C-alpha atoms as a PDB file:
ATOM      1  CA  MET A   1      13.481 -25.161   6.896  1.00  0.00           C
ATOM      2  CA  GLN A   2      16.557 -23.004   5.720  1.00  0.00           C
ATOM      3  CA  VAL A   3      15.356 -19.099   4.537  1.00  0.00           C
ATOM      4  CA  GLY A   4      17.418 -16.214   3.538  1.00  0.00           C
ATOM      5  CA  PHE A   5      17.011 -13.167   4.541  1.00  0.00           C
ATOM      6  CA  ILE A   6      18.643  -9.900   3.328  1.00  0.00           C
ATOM      7  CA  GLY A   7      18.236  -6.226   4.456  1.00  0.00           C
ATOM      8  CA  LEU A   8      18.212  -6.046   8.048  1.00  0.00           C
ATOM      9  CA  GLY A   9      17.200  -2.583   8.583  1.00  0.00           C
ATOM     10  CA  ILE A  10      14.145  -1.507  10.571  1.00  0.00           C
ATOM     11  CA  MET A  11      11.466  -3.214   8.901  1.00  0.00           C
ATOM     12  CA  GLY A  12      13.811  -5.904   8.035  1.00  0.00           C
ATOM     13  CA  ALA A  13      15.200  -6.597  11.007  1.00  0.00           C
ATOM     14  CA  SER A  14      12.275  -7.169  12.462  1.00  0.00           C
ATOM     15  CA  MET A  15      10.411  -9.277  10.092  1.00  0.00           C
ATOM     16  CA  ALA A  16      13.926 -11.507  10.148  1.00  0.00           C
ATOM     17  CA  ALA A  17      13.099 -12.446  13.464  1.00  0.00           C
ATOM     18  CA  ASN A  18       9.203 -13.279  13.039  1.00  0.00           C
ATOM     19  CA  LEU A  19      10.852 -15.704  10.726  1.00  0.00           C
ATOM     20  CA  GLN A  20      13.551 -16.986  13.345  1.00  0.00           C
ATOM     21  CA  LYS A  21       9.982 -16.440  16.030  1.00  0.00           C
ATOM     22  CA  ALA A  22       8.106 -19.169  13.997  1.00  0.00           C
ATOM     23  CA  GLY A  23      10.686 -21.213  13.945  1.00  0.00           C
ATOM     24  CA  TYR A  24      12.722 -20.703  10.696  1.00  0.00           C
ATOM     25  CA  LYS A  25      16.288 -21.179  10.367  1.00  0.00           C
ATOM     26  CA  LEU A  26      17.753 -18.238   8.689  1.00  0.00           C
ATOM     27  CA  THR A  27      20.965 -17.407   6.552  1.00  0.00           C
ATOM     28  CA  VAL A  28      21.076 -13.504   6.444  1.00  0.00           C
ATOM     29  CA  HIS A  29      22.906 -10.601   4.890  1.00  0.00           C
ATOM     30  CA  ASP A  30      23.557  -7.374   5.393  1.00  0.00           C
ATOM     31  CA  LEU A  31      25.527  -4.696   4.058  1.00  0.00           C
ATOM     32  CA  GLN A  32      26.105  -3.595   7.696  1.00  0.00           C
ATOM     33  CA  ARG A  33      27.385  -7.032  10.055  1.00  0.00           C
ATOM     34  CA  GLN A  34      26.258  -5.884  13.243  1.00  0.00           C
ATOM     35  CA  ASN A  35      22.543  -5.670  12.047  1.00  0.00           C
ATOM     36  CA  ALA A  36      22.586  -9.118  12.297  1.00  0.00           C
ATOM     37  CA  SER A  37      23.917  -9.392  15.528  1.00  0.00           C
ATOM     38  CA  ALA A  38      20.494 -10.448  16.917  1.00  0.00           C
ATOM     39  CA  HIS A  39      19.693 -12.989  14.528  1.00  0.00           C
ATOM     40  CA  LEU A  40      23.497 -14.672  14.194  1.00  0.00           C
ATOM     41  CA  ALA A  41      22.862 -14.859  18.654  1.00  0.00           C
ATOM     42  CA  ALA A  42      19.090 -16.916  17.695  1.00  0.00           C
ATOM     43  CA  GLY A  43      20.912 -18.638  15.719  1.00  0.00           C
ATOM     44  CA  ALA A  44      21.169 -17.192  12.545  1.00  0.00           C
ATOM     45  CA  GLN A  45      23.526 -18.171  10.018  1.00  0.00           C
ATOM     46  CA  TRP A  46      25.939 -15.259   8.316  1.00  0.00           C
ATOM     47  CA  ALA A  47      26.234 -15.262   4.663  1.00  0.00           C
ATOM     48  CA  ALA A  48      29.269 -12.231   3.143  1.00  0.00           C
ATOM     49  CA  THR A  49      27.221 -11.929  -0.509  1.00  0.00           C
ATOM     50  CA  PRO A  50      23.775 -11.928  -1.353  1.00  0.00           C
ATOM     51  CA  LYS A  51      25.528 -15.305  -3.818  1.00  0.00           C
ATOM     52  CA  ALA A  52      26.201 -17.291  -1.032  1.00  0.00           C
ATOM     53  CA  VAL A  53      22.394 -16.568   0.448  1.00  0.00           C
ATOM     54  CA  ALA A  54      21.130 -18.125  -2.587  1.00  0.00           C
ATOM     55  CA  GLU A  55      23.271 -20.793  -2.575  1.00  0.00           C
ATOM     56  CA  ALA A  56      22.144 -21.996   0.809  1.00  0.00           C
ATOM     57  CA  CYS A  57      18.305 -21.556   0.961  1.00  0.00           C
ATOM     58  CA  LYS A  58      15.791 -21.860  -1.171  1.00  0.00           C
ATOM     59  CA  VAL A  59      13.518 -19.521  -0.736  1.00  0.00           C
ATOM     60  CA  VAL A  60      15.107 -15.722   0.405  1.00  0.00           C
ATOM     61  CA  PHE A  61      13.425 -12.628   1.172  1.00  0.00           C
ATOM     62  CA  THR A  62      14.515  -8.974   0.274  1.00  0.00           C
ATOM     63  CA  SER A  63      13.816  -5.809   2.034  1.00  0.00           C
ATOM     64  CA  LEU A  64      15.546  -2.597   0.502  1.00  0.00           C
ATOM     65  CA  PRO A  65      15.802   0.948   0.583  1.00  0.00           C
ATOM     66  CA  GLY A  66      14.809   0.872  -3.214  1.00  0.00           C
ATOM     67  CA  PRO A  67      14.712  -0.187  -7.234  1.00  0.00           C
ATOM     68  CA  SER A  68      18.594   0.103  -7.453  1.00  0.00           C
ATOM     69  CA  GLU A  69      19.367  -1.605  -4.249  1.00  0.00           C
ATOM     70  CA  PHE A  70      16.942  -4.289  -5.623  1.00  0.00           C
ATOM     71  CA  GLU A  71      18.373  -4.704  -8.955  1.00  0.00           C
ATOM     72  CA  ALA A  72      22.144  -4.663  -7.173  1.00  0.00           C
ATOM     73  CA  VAL A  73      21.149  -7.608  -4.503  1.00  0.00           C
ATOM     74  CA  ALA A  74      19.309  -9.597  -7.404  1.00  0.00           C
ATOM     75  CA  LEU A  75      21.541  -9.235 -10.694  1.00  0.00           C
ATOM     76  CA  GLY A  76      24.589  -8.223 -10.219  1.00  0.00           C
ATOM     77  CA  ASN A  77      28.061  -9.468  -9.060  1.00  0.00           C
ATOM     78  CA  ASP A  78      27.410 -11.867  -6.447  1.00  0.00           C
ATOM     79  CA  GLY A  79      23.889 -11.387  -6.703  1.00  0.00           C
ATOM     80  CA  LEU A  80      21.559 -13.648  -5.817  1.00  0.00           C
ATOM     81  CA  ALA A  81      21.035 -14.633  -9.607  1.00  0.00           C
ATOM     82  CA  ASP A  82      24.962 -15.839  -9.786  1.00  0.00           C
ATOM     83  CA  GLY A  83      23.741 -18.111  -6.559  1.00  0.00           C
ATOM     84  CA  PHE A  84      19.792 -19.714  -7.180  1.00  0.00           C
ATOM     85  CA  ALA A  85      19.516 -22.788  -8.133  1.00  0.00           C
ATOM     86  CA  LYS A  86      16.447 -24.097 -10.305  1.00  0.00           C
ATOM     87  CA  GLY A  87      12.983 -23.453  -8.887  1.00  0.00           C
ATOM     88  CA  SER A  88      14.326 -21.621  -5.768  1.00  0.00           C
ATOM     89  CA  VAL A  89      12.018 -18.883  -4.543  1.00  0.00           C
ATOM     90  CA  LEU A  90      12.335 -15.054  -4.295  1.00  0.00           C
ATOM     91  CA  PHE A  91      10.026 -12.910  -1.924  1.00  0.00           C
ATOM     92  CA  ASP A  92      11.002  -8.950  -2.958  1.00  0.00           C
ATOM     93  CA  LEU A  93       9.466  -7.086   0.526  1.00  0.00           C
ATOM     94  CA  THR A  94      11.092  -3.457  -0.993  1.00  0.00           C
ATOM     95  CA  THR A  95       8.179  -0.502  -1.942  1.00  0.00           C
ATOM     96  CA  ASN A  96      10.059  -1.266  -5.885  1.00  0.00           C
ATOM     97  CA  ALA A  97       9.121   0.045  -9.109  1.00  0.00           C
ATOM     98  CA  PRO A  98       7.007  -2.528 -10.974  1.00  0.00           C
ATOM     99  CA  SER A  99       8.426  -2.515 -14.164  1.00  0.00           C
ATOM    100  CA  LEU A 100      11.981  -3.275 -12.554  1.00  0.00           C
ATOM    101  CA  VAL A 101      10.241  -5.960 -11.196  1.00  0.00           C
ATOM    102  CA  ARG A 102       8.811  -6.829 -14.114  1.00  0.00           C
ATOM    103  CA  ARG A 103      12.089  -6.932 -16.013  1.00  0.00           C
ATOM    104  CA  LEU A 104      13.764  -9.329 -13.634  1.00  0.00           C
ATOM    105  CA  HIS A 105      11.078 -11.042 -13.425  1.00  0.00           C
ATOM    106  CA  ARG A 106      11.246 -12.237 -17.072  1.00  0.00           C
ATOM    107  CA  VAL A 107      14.917 -12.513 -16.192  1.00  0.00           C
ATOM    108  CA  TYR A 108      14.534 -14.687 -13.532  1.00  0.00           C
ATOM    109  CA  ALA A 109      11.970 -16.720 -15.282  1.00  0.00           C
ATOM    110  CA  GLU A 110      14.677 -17.934 -18.098  1.00  0.00           C
ATOM    111  CA  ARG A 111      16.926 -19.829 -15.549  1.00  0.00           C
ATOM    112  CA  GLY A 112      13.305 -21.608 -13.438  1.00  0.00           C
ATOM    113  CA  ILE A 113      13.629 -18.900 -10.865  1.00  0.00           C
ATOM    114  CA  HIS A 114      10.985 -17.967  -9.116  1.00  0.00           C
ATOM    115  CA  LEU A 115      10.454 -13.522  -8.422  1.00  0.00           C
ATOM    116  CA  LEU A 116       7.384 -12.440  -6.683  1.00  0.00           C
ATOM    117  CA  ASP A 117       7.030  -8.955  -5.575  1.00  0.00           C
ATOM    118  CA  ALA A 118       5.370  -8.700  -1.786  1.00  0.00           C
ATOM    119  CA  PRO A 119       6.064  -4.647   0.064  1.00  0.00           C
ATOM    120  CA  VAL A 120       4.812  -5.467   2.950  1.00  0.00           C
ATOM    121  CA  SER A 121       2.620  -2.198   5.069  1.00  0.00           C
ATOM    122  CA  GLY A 122       2.360  -1.684   8.776  1.00  0.00           C
ATOM    123  CA  GLY A 123       5.403   0.342   9.328  1.00  0.00           C
ATOM    124  CA  PRO A 124       8.332  -0.282  12.091  1.00  0.00           C
ATOM    125  CA  ALA A 125       5.642  -1.397  14.530  1.00  0.00           C
ATOM    126  CA  GLY A 126       3.912  -3.875  13.107  1.00  0.00           C
ATOM    127  CA  ALA A 127       6.772  -4.932  11.765  1.00  0.00           C
ATOM    128  CA  LYS A 128       7.405  -5.968  14.460  1.00  0.00           C
ATOM    129  CA  SER A 129       4.089  -7.002  16.199  1.00  0.00           C
ATOM    130  CA  GLY A 130       3.896  -8.652  13.025  1.00  0.00           C
ATOM    131  CA  ARG A 131       0.790  -6.963  12.520  1.00  0.00           C
ATOM    132  CA  LEU A 132       1.680  -6.304   8.740  1.00  0.00           C
ATOM    133  CA  ALA A 133      -0.311  -6.393   4.281  1.00  0.00           C
ATOM    134  CA  ILE A 134       1.904  -8.151   2.386  1.00  0.00           C
ATOM    135  CA  TRP A 135       0.612  -7.554  -1.361  1.00  0.00           C
ATOM    136  CA  VAL A 136       2.119 -10.612  -3.706  1.00  0.00           C
ATOM    137  CA  GLY A 137       2.336 -10.212  -7.005  1.00  0.00           C
ATOM    138  CA  GLY A 138       3.424 -13.206  -8.906  1.00  0.00           C
ATOM    139  CA  ASP A 139       2.961 -16.967 -10.123  1.00  0.00           C
ATOM    140  CA  LYS A 140       0.193 -17.804  -7.665  1.00  0.00           C
ATOM    141  CA  ALA A 141       0.617 -21.465  -7.025  1.00  0.00           C
ATOM    142  CA  ILE A 142       4.016 -20.469  -5.754  1.00  0.00           C
ATOM    143  CA  PHE A 143       2.417 -17.741  -3.217  1.00  0.00           C
ATOM    144  CA  GLU A 144      -0.542 -20.098  -2.235  1.00  0.00           C
ATOM    145  CA  LYS A 145       2.669 -22.965  -1.500  1.00  0.00           C
ATOM    146  CA  HIS A 146       4.762 -20.284   0.651  1.00  0.00           C
ATOM    147  CA  LYS A 147       2.348 -18.280   2.362  1.00  0.00           C
ATOM    148  CA  LYS A 148       2.897 -19.719   5.569  1.00  0.00           C
ATOM    149  CA  GLU A 149       6.270 -18.166   5.320  1.00  0.00           C
ATOM    150  CA  LEU A 150       4.382 -15.039   4.475  1.00  0.00           C
ATOM    151  CA  ASP A 151       2.105 -15.774   7.477  1.00  0.00           C
ATOM    152  CA  ALA A 152       4.773 -15.872   9.670  1.00  0.00           C
ATOM    153  CA  ILE A 153       5.728 -12.173   9.178  1.00  0.00           C
ATOM    154  CA  GLY A 154       2.755 -10.295   8.385  1.00  0.00           C
ATOM    155  CA  ASP A 155      -1.138 -11.215   9.280  1.00  0.00           C
ATOM    156  CA  ALA A 156      -2.105 -10.127   6.352  1.00  0.00           C
ATOM    157  CA  ALA A 157      -0.918 -12.200   3.359  1.00  0.00           C
ATOM    158  CA  ARG A 158      -2.436 -11.087   0.531  1.00  0.00           C
ATOM    159  CA  TYR A 159      -2.176 -12.584  -3.928  1.00  0.00           C
ATOM    160  CA  ILE A 160      -2.892  -9.688  -5.800  1.00  0.00           C
ATOM    161  CA  GLY A 161      -2.292 -10.615  -9.450  1.00  0.00           C
ATOM    162  CA  PRO A 162       0.627 -10.484 -11.808  1.00  0.00           C
ATOM    163  CA  ILE A 163       4.256  -9.658 -11.186  1.00  0.00           C
ATOM    164  CA  GLY A 164       4.354  -6.601 -10.198  1.00  0.00           C
ATOM    165  CA  ALA A 165       1.117  -6.250  -8.704  1.00  0.00           C
ATOM    166  CA  GLY A 166       1.670  -5.562  -5.288  1.00  0.00           C
ATOM    167  CA  SER A 167       4.105  -2.904  -6.199  1.00  0.00           C
ATOM    168  CA  VAL A 168       1.428  -1.339  -8.504  1.00  0.00           C
ATOM    169  CA  ALA A 169      -1.254  -1.664  -4.850  1.00  0.00           C
ATOM    170  CA  LYS A 170       1.563  -0.448  -2.479  1.00  0.00           C
ATOM    171  CA  LEU A 171       1.806   3.126  -4.706  1.00  0.00           C
ATOM    172  CA  VAL A 172      -1.819   3.652  -4.545  1.00  0.00           C
ATOM    173  CA  HIS A 173      -1.896   2.868  -1.231  1.00  0.00           C
ATOM    174  CA  ASN A 174       1.444   5.229  -0.520  1.00  0.00           C
ATOM    175  CA  CYS A 175       1.048   7.787  -2.797  1.00  0.00           C
ATOM    176  CA  ALA A 176      -3.127   8.040  -1.144  1.00  0.00           C
ATOM    177  CA  GLY A 177      -1.975   8.421   1.875  1.00  0.00           C
ATOM    178  CA  TYR A 178       0.198  11.549   1.347  1.00  0.00           C
ATOM    179  CA  ALA A 179      -1.839  13.294  -0.513  1.00  0.00           C
ATOM    180  CA  ILE A 180      -4.572  12.878   2.256  1.00  0.00           C
ATOM    181  CA  GLN A 181      -1.445  14.460   4.150  1.00  0.00           C
ATOM    182  CA  THR A 182      -0.676  17.717   1.881  1.00  0.00           C
ATOM    183  CA  ALA A 183      -5.173  17.862   2.058  1.00  0.00           C
ATOM    184  CA  LEU A 184      -4.716  17.330   5.733  1.00  0.00           C
ATOM    185  CA  ALA A 185      -1.759  20.010   6.797  1.00  0.00           C
ATOM    186  CA  GLU A 186      -4.428  22.482   4.173  1.00  0.00           C
ATOM    187  CA  VAL A 187      -7.395  22.360   5.571  1.00  0.00           C
ATOM    188  CA  PHE A 188      -6.543  22.003   9.414  1.00  0.00           C
ATOM    189  CA  SER A 189      -3.813  25.212   8.678  1.00  0.00           C
ATOM    190  CA  MET A 190      -7.352  27.130   7.700  1.00  0.00           C
ATOM    191  CA  GLY A 191      -9.586  25.801  10.693  1.00  0.00           C
ATOM    192  CA  ILE A 192      -7.241  26.181  13.304  1.00  0.00           C
ATOM    193  CA  LYS A 193      -6.778  30.236  11.569  1.00  0.00           C
ATOM    194  CA  GLY A 194     -10.056  30.319  12.092  1.00  0.00           C
ATOM    195  CA  GLY A 195     -10.117  30.033  15.977  1.00  0.00           C
ATOM    196  CA  VAL A 196     -11.514  26.952  16.348  1.00  0.00           C
ATOM    197  CA  GLU A 197      -8.038  25.011  19.256  1.00  0.00           C
ATOM    198  CA  PRO A 198      -6.493  22.423  17.684  1.00  0.00           C
ATOM    199  CA  VAL A 199      -7.058  19.331  19.986  1.00  0.00           C
ATOM    200  CA  ALA A 200     -11.052  20.992  19.936  1.00  0.00           C
ATOM    201  CA  LEU A 201     -11.347  20.164  15.739  1.00  0.00           C
ATOM    202  CA  TRP A 202      -9.735  17.125  15.503  1.00  0.00           C
ATOM    203  CA  GLU A 203     -11.457  15.545  17.972  1.00  0.00           C
ATOM    204  CA  ALA A 204     -15.054  16.857  16.363  1.00  0.00           C
ATOM    205  CA  VAL A 205     -13.799  16.067  13.110  1.00  0.00           C
ATOM    206  CA  ARG A 206     -12.732  12.386  14.112  1.00  0.00           C
ATOM    207  CA  SER A 207     -16.277  11.680  14.531  1.00  0.00           C
ATOM    208  CA  GLY A 208     -17.600  13.266  12.034  1.00  0.00           C
ATOM    209  CA  ALA A 209     -18.677  10.579   8.452  1.00  0.00           C
ATOM    210  CA  GLN A 210     -15.039  10.811   7.133  1.00  0.00           C
ATOM    211  CA  GLY A 211     -13.433  10.091  10.027  1.00  0.00           C
ATOM    212  CA  ARG A 212     -15.489   7.387  11.534  1.00  0.00           C
ATOM    213  CA  SER A 213     -14.913   5.397   7.723  1.00  0.00           C
ATOM    214  CA  ARG A 214     -11.343   3.966   6.489  1.00  0.00           C
ATOM    215  CA  THR A 215     -10.190   6.056   3.678  1.00  0.00           C
ATOM    216  CA  PHE A 216     -10.795   2.872   1.686  1.00  0.00           C
ATOM    217  CA  ASP A 217     -13.787   2.071   2.351  1.00  0.00           C
ATOM    218  CA  ARG A 218     -15.873   4.308   0.305  1.00  0.00           C
ATOM    219  CA  LEU A 219     -14.883   3.477  -3.368  1.00  0.00           C
ATOM    220  CA  GLY A 220     -17.141   0.174  -2.520  1.00  0.00           C
ATOM    221  CA  ASP A 221     -20.370   1.258  -2.998  1.00  0.00           C
ATOM    222  CA  ARG A 222     -20.014   3.885  -5.562  1.00  0.00           C
ATOM    223  CA  PHE A 223     -16.923   3.787  -8.061  1.00  0.00           C
ATOM    224  CA  LEU A 224     -16.171   0.358  -8.326  1.00  0.00           C
ATOM    225  CA  ILE A 225     -19.709  -0.666  -9.306  1.00  0.00           C
ATOM    226  CA  ASN A 226     -20.157   2.554 -10.581  1.00  0.00           C
ATOM    227  CA  SER A 227     -23.566   3.671  -9.735  1.00  0.00           C
ATOM    228  CA  TYR A 228     -23.990   7.027  -8.691  1.00  0.00           C
ATOM    229  CA  ASP A 229     -27.763   7.877  -8.782  1.00  0.00           C
ATOM    230  CA  PRO A 230     -29.557   8.021  -6.789  1.00  0.00           C
ATOM    231  CA  PRO A 231     -27.384  10.122  -4.336  1.00  0.00           C
ATOM    232  CA  SER A 232     -25.961   9.331  -1.005  1.00  0.00           C
ATOM    233  CA  PHE A 233     -25.147  12.990  -0.696  1.00  0.00           C
ATOM    234  CA  ALA A 234     -26.346  14.959  -4.027  1.00  0.00           C
ATOM    235  CA  LEU A 235     -23.230  16.914  -6.013  1.00  0.00           C
ATOM    236  CA  LYS A 236     -24.638  20.160  -5.477  1.00  0.00           C
ATOM    237  CA  LEU A 237     -24.564  20.364  -2.354  1.00  0.00           C
ATOM    238  CA  ALA A 238     -21.098  19.387  -1.779  1.00  0.00           C
ATOM    239  CA  HIS A 239     -20.338  21.939  -4.828  1.00  0.00           C
ATOM    240  CA  LYS A 240     -22.282  24.259  -1.973  1.00  0.00           C
ATOM    241  CA  ASP A 241     -19.767  22.731   0.193  1.00  0.00           C
ATOM    242  CA  MET A 242     -16.501  23.079  -0.735  1.00  0.00           C
ATOM    243  CA  ARG A 243     -17.256  26.823  -1.769  1.00  0.00           C
ATOM    244  CA  LEU A 244     -17.980  27.543   1.724  1.00  0.00           C
ATOM    245  CA  ALA A 245     -14.611  26.153   2.481  1.00  0.00           C
ATOM    246  CA  THR A 246     -12.094  28.036  -0.101  1.00  0.00           C
ATOM    247  CA  GLU A 247     -14.048  30.832   0.218  1.00  0.00           C
ATOM    248  CA  LEU A 248     -13.449  30.683   4.074  1.00  0.00           C
ATOM    249  CA  GLY A 249      -9.792  29.762   3.146  1.00  0.00           C
ATOM    250  CA  ARG A 250     -10.049  33.331   0.935  1.00  0.00           C
ATOM    251  CA  GLU A 251     -10.999  35.479   3.735  1.00  0.00           C
ATOM    252  CA  LEU A 252      -8.299  33.836   6.493  1.00  0.00           C
ATOM    253  CA  GLY A 253      -5.362  33.968   3.460  1.00  0.00           C
ATOM    254  CA  VAL A 254      -4.762  30.543   4.597  1.00  0.00           C
ATOM    255  CA  PRO A 255      -3.859  28.985   0.401  1.00  0.00           C
ATOM    256  CA  MET A 256      -5.645  26.235  -0.815  1.00  0.00           C
ATOM    257  CA  ARG A 257      -4.451  24.436  -3.264  1.00  0.00           C
ATOM    258  CA  ILE A 258      -5.771  21.340  -2.582  1.00  0.00           C
ATOM    259  CA  ALA A 259      -9.092  22.092  -2.045  1.00  0.00           C
ATOM    260  CA  ASN A 260      -9.149  24.900  -5.312  1.00  0.00           C
ATOM    261  CA  LEU A 261      -8.272  21.435  -7.946  1.00  0.00           C
ATOM    262  CA  ALA A 262     -11.307  19.868  -5.991  1.00  0.00           C
ATOM    263  CA  TYR A 263     -13.442  22.462  -5.946  1.00  0.00           C
ATOM    264  CA  ALA A 264     -13.163  22.842  -9.312  1.00  0.00           C
ATOM    265  CA  GLU A 265     -13.569  19.192 -10.460  1.00  0.00           C
ATOM    266  CA  LEU A 266     -16.865  19.292  -8.677  1.00  0.00           C
ATOM    267  CA  THR A 267     -17.546  22.671 -10.783  1.00  0.00           C
ATOM    268  CA  GLU A 268     -16.266  20.297 -13.417  1.00  0.00           C
ATOM    269  CA  ALA A 269     -19.474  17.926 -13.018  1.00  0.00           C
ATOM    270  CA  LEU A 270     -21.770  20.245 -12.156  1.00  0.00           C
ATOM    271  CA  ASN A 271     -21.759  22.281 -15.770  1.00  0.00           C
ATOM    272  CA  ARG A 272     -21.924  18.693 -16.987  1.00  0.00           C
ATOM    273  CA  GLY A 273     -25.096  18.644 -15.682  1.00  0.00           C
ATOM    274  CA  TRP A 274     -24.495  16.237 -12.708  1.00  0.00           C
ATOM    275  CA  GLU A 275     -25.847  18.126  -9.858  1.00  0.00           C
ATOM    276  CA  ASN A 276     -28.158  15.676  -8.266  1.00  0.00           C
ATOM    277  CA  ARG A 277     -26.338  12.621  -9.249  1.00  0.00           C
ATOM    278  CA  ASP A 278     -24.409  11.337  -5.666  1.00  0.00           C
ATOM    279  CA  SER A 279     -21.164  13.859  -4.738  1.00  0.00           C
ATOM    280  CA  ARG A 280     -18.775  11.099  -5.816  1.00  0.00           C
ATOM    281  CA  SER A 281     -19.429  11.321  -9.413  1.00  0.00           C
ATOM    282  CA  PRO A 282     -16.816  13.597 -10.393  1.00  0.00           C
ATOM    283  CA  MET A 283     -14.104  10.589  -9.878  1.00  0.00           C
ATOM    284  CA  LEU A 284     -16.475   9.534 -13.110  1.00  0.00           C
ATOM    285  CA  LEU A 285     -13.774  12.881 -14.806  1.00  0.00           C
ATOM    286  CA  GLN A 286     -10.320  11.501 -13.940  1.00  0.00           C
ATOM    287  CA  LEU A 287     -11.667   8.322 -15.784  1.00  0.00           C
ATOM    288  CA  GLU A 288     -12.790   9.787 -18.894  1.00  0.00           C
ATOM    289  CA  ARG A 289      -9.351  11.233 -18.665  1.00  0.00           C
ATOM    290  CA  SER A 290      -7.644   8.010 -18.237  1.00  0.00           C
ATOM    291  CA  GLY A 291      -9.923   6.113 -20.634  1.00  0.00           C
ATOM    292  CA  LEU A 292     -10.944   3.521 -18.599  1.00  0.00           C
ATOM    293  CA  GLN A 293     -14.591   2.252 -17.948  1.00  0.00           C
ATOM    294  CA  VAL A 294     -14.671   0.825 -13.941  1.00  0.00           C
ATOM    295  CA  GLU A 295     -17.246  -0.786 -12.723  1.00  0.00           C
ATOM    296  CA  VAL A 296     -16.848  -4.584 -11.046  1.00  0.00           C
ATOM    297  CA  ASP A 297     -20.098  -6.399  -9.974  1.00  0.00           C
ATOM    298  CA  PRO A 298     -21.313  -5.880  -6.567  1.00  0.00           C
ATOM    299  CA  GLY A 299     -21.126  -8.868  -5.184  1.00  0.00           C
ATOM    300  CA  ARG A 300     -17.651  -9.132  -4.963  1.00  0.00           C
ATOM    301  CA  VAL A 301     -17.273  -5.745  -3.437  1.00  0.00           C
ATOM    302  CA  GLN A 302     -20.183  -7.136  -1.061  1.00  0.00           C
ATOM    303  CA  GLU A 303     -17.705 -11.064  -0.767  1.00  0.00           C
ATOM    304  CA  VAL A 304     -14.757  -8.360   0.219  1.00  0.00           C
ATOM    305  CA  LEU A 305     -16.924  -6.356   2.726  1.00  0.00           C
ATOM    306  CA  GLU A 306     -17.966 -10.093   4.517  1.00  0.00           C
ATOM    307  CA  ARG A 307     -14.831 -10.956   5.003  1.00  0.00           C
ATOM    308  CA  ASP A 308     -13.429  -7.537   6.288  1.00  0.00           C
ATOM    309  CA  PRO A 309     -16.093  -5.486   7.510  1.00  0.00           C
ATOM    310  CA  PRO A 310     -16.030  -1.410   7.726  1.00  0.00           C
ATOM    311  CA  PHE A 311     -15.865   0.135  11.161  1.00  0.00           C
ATOM    312  CA  GLY A 312     -18.952   0.781  12.891  1.00  0.00           C
ATOM    313  CA  GLY A 313     -20.034   4.245  12.835  1.00  0.00           C
ATOM    314  CA  LEU A 314     -21.669   7.033  11.071  1.00  0.00           C
ATOM    315  CA  ASP A 315     -22.238   6.556   7.309  1.00  0.00           C
ATOM    316  CA  PRO A 316     -20.019   6.815   5.430  1.00  0.00           C
ATOM    317  CA  LYS A 317     -21.708   8.096   2.739  1.00  0.00           C
ATOM    318  CA  ARG A 318     -23.004  11.211   4.025  1.00  0.00           C
ATOM    319  CA  GLY A 319     -20.304  14.111   3.176  1.00  0.00           C
END
């Protein structure tokens, strides 16, 4: 199959190379032709414009810096829309704006073209090794028809839901990561200034409950199934721990903006009379503000855990 690939940057170059290794014939395009030198040497064909890629291929992947670049490639002059035949498929691997993806999906659908958002997670090392998550939104039948191409790029291609769902999932993942990064910088500043040698501190917390559990595993047994009673670790105890931590920060002169926000959430939940509920019950406050209620069938959570078991270690429910 002749497959198109547009955007041969750090991520795109490796993903395109993996398609070639899997036996796909490529037609490639990038703003810098030298970025395609290795692919051309391996037998890929060069296209001078995105339109030319679309004219040569029924399936095209784009891996671009962001929304403006994607819109220009997908809909601009000499763009993909000008070259695609009816029934063609575009998988956008870009971390993109859900609103743009949905708008262009409507435009493409009017022309009989399939657009699916398929952002990836795994970084440059994952793109090179093929250990990538790919989160796909759009027509499920098209996803299933072309999953073999996705499997040539990453080892965890998943259908998430309708168009835009993949992009939303990617933004949730990345936003959580940078929020956690900010919190870690804050608390490690406190710990180091509190007199603990940095590597010893890092080694210690890695062996704790949080260190041994994957970031998102903890959502399954409380938040998703809306179950906060009886507690695994009581809110009143978590509130005490956060009070001690923020007090230490003040004693040391370490700014603790994220920790104090978290402490305020726990305090508000405590004032609701939830002291004997689980320490994750303050998450309900954010759902309330957002006008949401989340309560899924525990069986669905269990199915996910059976397909992809959590890492071993200490009980992740404990604080």
